[in-house]
Amino acid sequence: MQARDVMVRGVISVGPDIPVQIAANAMVSNCVSALPVIDIRAKLVGIVSEGDLIRRVEIGTEQRRSGGSETLMSSDALAKEFVKSHAKRVSDVMTREVITAQPETPLREIANLMEKHSIKRVPIVQDELVVGIVSRANLLQVLARANDDTDWVESDRVLHQRFVDSIKDQPWAGRPFNIIVSDRCADLWGFVYSVDEKTAVRVAAEATPGIESVSDHLGIAP
């Protein structure tokens, strides 16, 4: 399987000059733990995650070091800690050196990247634009659906793309969710806005020619 077979599309992103609090609100409202940061040309310039926002002065979780521990740290390290906890803009707290992959990247390589760099997600980039994201959760979803005697066949990839194409222009398909097709059976994962949207996604999957059964694991975001 490749990244394009399991990645979440329609990724929610933010700009580098967006206030940190707005980025936090976007994560909460969309039930995601990280947001790609893109510039005015829609090119990836960083990623901001929940890990970047847990040490914040607004909620009293900033690092408070004793005089002894501060002497063991460089002034640069202390300055970086201060910026992380006090900065107002996403550009000051985001990770700039983002590990990415392409839609054709095998899942084995995605897993290797996560393990090697101790990261939880990999943005999928094509022509310098973010077209999706693969997280640890997406790999677990594949594992939950996998059978030892079943390989990912080309027909399943065609069905996956057929479903994606059928809803890409639908105004109700705004929440990033994921579909995994294996042996003509579709599993729906992620979160949607409402019961009506949840039903619409399931109906769209059931209406996709070639898909024989649909398992709906979608949750409704608060």
Protein backbone atom coordinates (compact mmCIF):
# COMPACT_ATOMS: atom_id res chain seq x y z
CA MET A 1 0.00 0.00 0.00
CA GLN A 2 1.04 3.57 -0.62
CA ALA A 3 0.46 6.86 1.16
CA ARG A 4 -2.27 7.86 -1.30
CA ASP A 5 -4.29 4.78 -0.31
CA VAL A 6 -4.67 5.77 3.36
CA MET A 7 -3.91 9.48 3.63
CA VAL A 8 -6.49 11.95 4.90
CA ARG A 9 -7.34 14.45 2.18
CA GLY A 10 -8.76 17.94 2.49
CA VAL A 11 -6.25 18.71 5.22
CA ILE A 12 -6.98 21.69 7.46
CA SER A 13 -4.06 24.14 7.32
CA VAL A 14 -3.13 27.58 8.67
CA GLY A 15 -0.91 30.47 7.63
CA PRO A 16 2.31 31.41 9.44
CA ASP A 17 0.92 34.74 10.68
CA ILE A 18 -2.19 33.21 12.25
CA PRO A 19 -2.43 33.73 16.04
CA VAL A 20 -1.52 30.69 18.13
CA GLN A 21 -4.94 30.65 19.80
CA ILE A 22 -6.72 30.44 16.44
CA ALA A 23 -4.51 27.49 15.49
CA ALA A 24 -5.39 25.80 18.78
CA ASN A 25 -9.10 26.40 18.12
CA ALA A 26 -8.72 24.90 14.63
CA MET A 27 -7.17 21.74 16.09
CA VAL A 28 -9.94 21.36 18.67
CA SER A 29 -12.85 22.10 16.32
CA ASN A 30 -11.52 19.76 13.63
CA CYS A 31 -10.39 16.98 16.00
CA VAL A 32 -6.80 16.99 14.71
CA SER A 33 -3.51 17.13 16.58
CA ALA A 34 -1.46 19.08 14.03
CA LEU A 35 -1.86 21.58 11.21
CA PRO A 36 0.36 22.08 8.17
CA VAL A 37 1.45 25.70 7.83
CA ILE A 38 1.32 27.05 4.28
CA ASP A 39 2.33 30.36 2.70
CA ILE A 40 0.32 32.55 0.33
CA ARG A 41 1.29 30.25 -2.56
CA ALA A 42 -0.10 27.26 -0.62
CA LYS A 43 3.39 25.79 -0.22
CA LEU A 44 4.33 23.98 2.97
CA VAL A 45 6.54 26.06 5.27
CA GLY A 46 6.08 24.24 8.57
CA ILE A 47 3.80 22.26 10.85
CA VAL A 48 2.34 23.18 14.22
CA SER A 49 1.22 20.41 16.57
CA GLU A 50 -0.30 20.05 19.99
CA GLY A 51 3.21 19.36 21.27
CA ASP A 52 4.22 22.88 20.24
CA LEU A 53 1.44 24.39 22.33
CA ILE A 54 1.48 22.52 25.63
CA ARG A 55 3.99 24.84 27.34
CA ARG A 56 2.07 28.12 27.29
CA VAL A 57 2.10 31.04 29.70
CA GLU A 58 -1.65 31.60 29.18
CA ILE A 59 -2.46 28.34 30.94
CA GLY A 60 0.42 28.31 33.40
CA THR A 61 2.30 25.38 31.83
CA GLU A 62 5.44 27.25 30.77
CA GLN A 63 8.78 25.91 31.95
CA ARG A 64 9.77 27.30 35.34
CA ARG A 65 13.37 26.45 35.99
CA SER A 66 15.35 27.03 39.14
CA GLY A 67 18.50 29.08 39.00
CA GLY A 68 20.59 25.92 39.18
CA SER A 69 18.98 24.24 36.18
CA GLU A 70 19.17 27.42 34.12
CA THR A 71 22.93 27.55 34.52
CA LEU A 72 23.15 24.14 32.84
CA MET A 73 21.34 25.39 29.74
CA SER A 74 22.61 27.67 27.01
CA SER A 75 21.09 31.10 26.59
CA ASP A 76 19.85 30.03 23.14
CA ALA A 77 17.95 27.08 24.63
CA LEU A 78 16.37 29.29 27.28
CA ALA A 79 15.43 31.84 24.62
CA LYS A 80 13.74 29.12 22.54
CA GLU A 81 11.74 27.99 25.57
CA PHE A 82 10.59 31.56 26.14
CA VAL A 83 9.48 31.94 22.52
CA LYS A 84 7.55 28.65 22.61
CA SER A 85 5.60 29.72 25.68
CA HIS A 86 5.03 33.40 24.84
CA ALA A 87 4.89 33.75 21.03
CA LYS A 88 1.65 35.00 19.53
CA ARG A 89 2.14 33.83 15.93
CA VAL A 90 2.24 30.30 14.54
CA SER A 91 5.48 31.04 12.68
CA ASP A 92 7.32 31.41 15.99
CA VAL A 93 6.25 28.06 17.45
CA MET A 94 5.95 25.80 14.39
CA THR A 95 8.45 23.17 13.29
CA ARG A 96 10.12 24.45 10.13
CA GLU A 97 11.99 21.36 8.97
CA VAL A 98 9.04 19.15 8.09
CA ILE A 99 9.48 15.49 7.18
CA THR A 100 7.29 14.82 4.13
CA ALA A 101 6.52 12.05 1.67
CA GLN A 102 4.86 11.71 -1.72
CA PRO A 103 1.56 10.01 -2.61
CA GLU A 104 3.47 7.06 -4.09
CA THR A 105 5.58 6.50 -0.97
CA PRO A 106 5.07 2.95 0.40
CA LEU A 107 3.59 2.73 3.89
CA ARG A 108 6.72 0.87 4.98
CA GLU A 109 8.75 4.00 4.28
CA ILE A 110 6.17 6.18 6.05
CA ALA A 111 6.51 4.00 9.15
CA ASN A 112 10.30 4.21 8.89
CA LEU A 113 10.13 8.02 8.78
CA MET A 114 7.88 8.14 11.84
CA GLU A 115 10.18 5.84 13.78
CA LYS A 116 13.44 7.47 12.68
CA HIS A 117 12.36 11.04 13.39
CA SER A 118 10.04 10.30 16.35
CA ILE A 119 7.07 11.97 14.66
CA LYS A 120 3.37 11.11 14.71
CA ARG A 121 2.36 12.26 11.24
CA VAL A 122 3.80 12.83 7.76
CA PRO A 123 2.37 15.44 5.36
CA ILE A 124 2.01 14.14 1.81
CA VAL A 125 3.28 16.64 -0.75
CA GLN A 126 2.91 16.72 -4.52
CA ASP A 127 4.35 19.56 -6.62
CA GLU A 128 5.19 21.36 -3.35
CA LEU A 129 1.52 21.37 -2.30
CA VAL A 130 0.05 19.44 0.63
CA VAL A 131 -2.41 16.89 -0.77
CA GLY A 132 -2.88 14.79 2.37
CA ILE A 133 -1.46 13.62 5.66
CA VAL A 134 -0.71 10.17 7.08
CA SER A 135 -0.76 9.74 10.85
CA ARG A 136 -0.04 6.84 13.17
CA ALA A 137 -3.80 6.45 13.52
CA ASN A 138 -4.12 5.90 9.77
CA LEU A 139 -1.57 3.09 9.93
CA LEU A 140 -3.51 1.50 12.80
CA GLN A 141 -6.70 1.75 10.74
CA VAL A 142 -5.01 -0.23 7.96
CA LEU A 143 -3.80 -2.80 10.48
CA ALA A 144 -7.31 -3.17 11.90
CA ARG A 145 -8.64 -3.95 8.42
CA ALA A 146 -5.75 -6.12 7.24
CA ASN A 147 -5.96 -9.85 6.60
CA ASP A 148 -2.86 -12.01 6.31
CA ASP A 149 -4.09 -13.47 3.03
CA THR A 150 -5.30 -10.22 1.46
CA ASP A 151 -3.05 -7.87 -0.49
CA TRP A 152 -3.91 -4.36 -1.58
CA VAL A 153 -4.96 -4.92 -5.17
CA GLU A 154 -5.23 -2.38 -7.95
CA SER A 155 -9.01 -2.71 -8.07
CA ASP A 156 -9.25 -1.52 -4.45
CA ARG A 157 -7.12 1.50 -5.31
CA VAL A 158 -9.46 2.29 -8.20
CA LEU A 159 -12.49 2.03 -5.89
CA HIS A 160 -10.78 4.28 -3.34
CA GLN A 161 -10.16 6.96 -5.97
CA ARG A 162 -13.68 6.55 -7.37
CA PHE A 163 -15.15 7.37 -3.96
CA VAL A 164 -12.80 10.34 -3.46
CA ASP A 165 -13.75 11.74 -6.87
CA SER A 166 -17.46 11.31 -6.16
CA ILE A 167 -17.46 13.59 -3.10
CA LYS A 168 -14.63 16.05 -3.74
CA ASP A 169 -17.01 18.77 -4.96
CA GLN A 170 -19.74 18.14 -2.39
CA PRO A 171 -20.20 21.18 -0.09
CA TRP A 172 -20.90 18.93 2.92
CA ALA A 173 -17.62 17.04 2.61
CA GLY A 174 -15.54 19.64 4.42
CA ARG A 175 -14.29 17.64 7.39
CA PRO A 176 -11.12 15.59 6.78
CA PHE A 177 -12.07 11.92 7.05
CA ASN A 178 -10.57 8.81 5.57
CA ILE A 179 -11.69 5.74 3.64
CA ILE A 180 -9.76 2.50 3.40
CA VAL A 181 -10.85 -0.02 0.78
CA SER A 182 -9.71 -3.61 1.06
CA ASP A 183 -11.11 -6.54 -0.89
CA ARG A 184 -13.98 -4.30 -2.08
CA CYS A 185 -14.97 -3.50 1.52
CA ALA A 186 -14.79 0.12 2.68
CA ASP A 187 -14.01 1.36 6.20
CA LEU A 188 -14.80 4.99 7.04
CA TRP A 189 -12.67 6.68 9.72
CA GLY A 190 -12.33 10.13 11.23
CA PHE A 191 -14.79 12.82 12.27
CA VAL A 192 -17.61 14.73 10.60
CA TYR A 193 -19.71 17.73 11.60
CA SER A 194 -23.14 16.15 12.01
CA VAL A 195 -25.31 13.05 11.82
CA ASP A 196 -26.51 14.18 8.38
CA GLU A 197 -22.94 14.44 7.09
CA LYS A 198 -22.10 11.05 8.59
CA THR A 199 -25.05 9.55 6.74
CA ALA A 200 -24.09 11.31 3.50
CA VAL A 201 -20.55 9.93 3.62
CA ARG A 202 -21.84 6.41 4.21
CA VAL A 203 -24.39 6.71 1.40
CA ALA A 204 -21.70 8.00 -0.96
CA ALA A 205 -19.50 5.02 -0.15
CA GLU A 206 -22.38 2.58 -0.59
CA ALA A 207 -23.22 4.21 -3.92
CA THR A 208 -19.67 3.88 -5.25
CA PRO A 209 -19.73 1.23 -7.99
CA GLY A 210 -17.63 -1.77 -6.99
CA ILE A 211 -17.74 -1.26 -3.22
CA GLU A 212 -19.66 -4.21 -1.79
CA SER A 213 -19.86 -3.32 1.91
CA VAL A 214 -19.27 -0.30 4.13
CA SER A 215 -18.25 -0.18 7.80
CA ASP A 216 -18.89 3.23 9.33
CA HIS A 217 -16.47 4.16 12.14
CA LEU A 218 -17.00 7.91 11.75
CA GLY A 219 -17.39 10.00 14.87
CA ILE A 220 -19.20 13.32 15.23
CA ALA A 221 -17.00 16.15 16.44
CA PRO A 222 -18.30 18.21 19.37
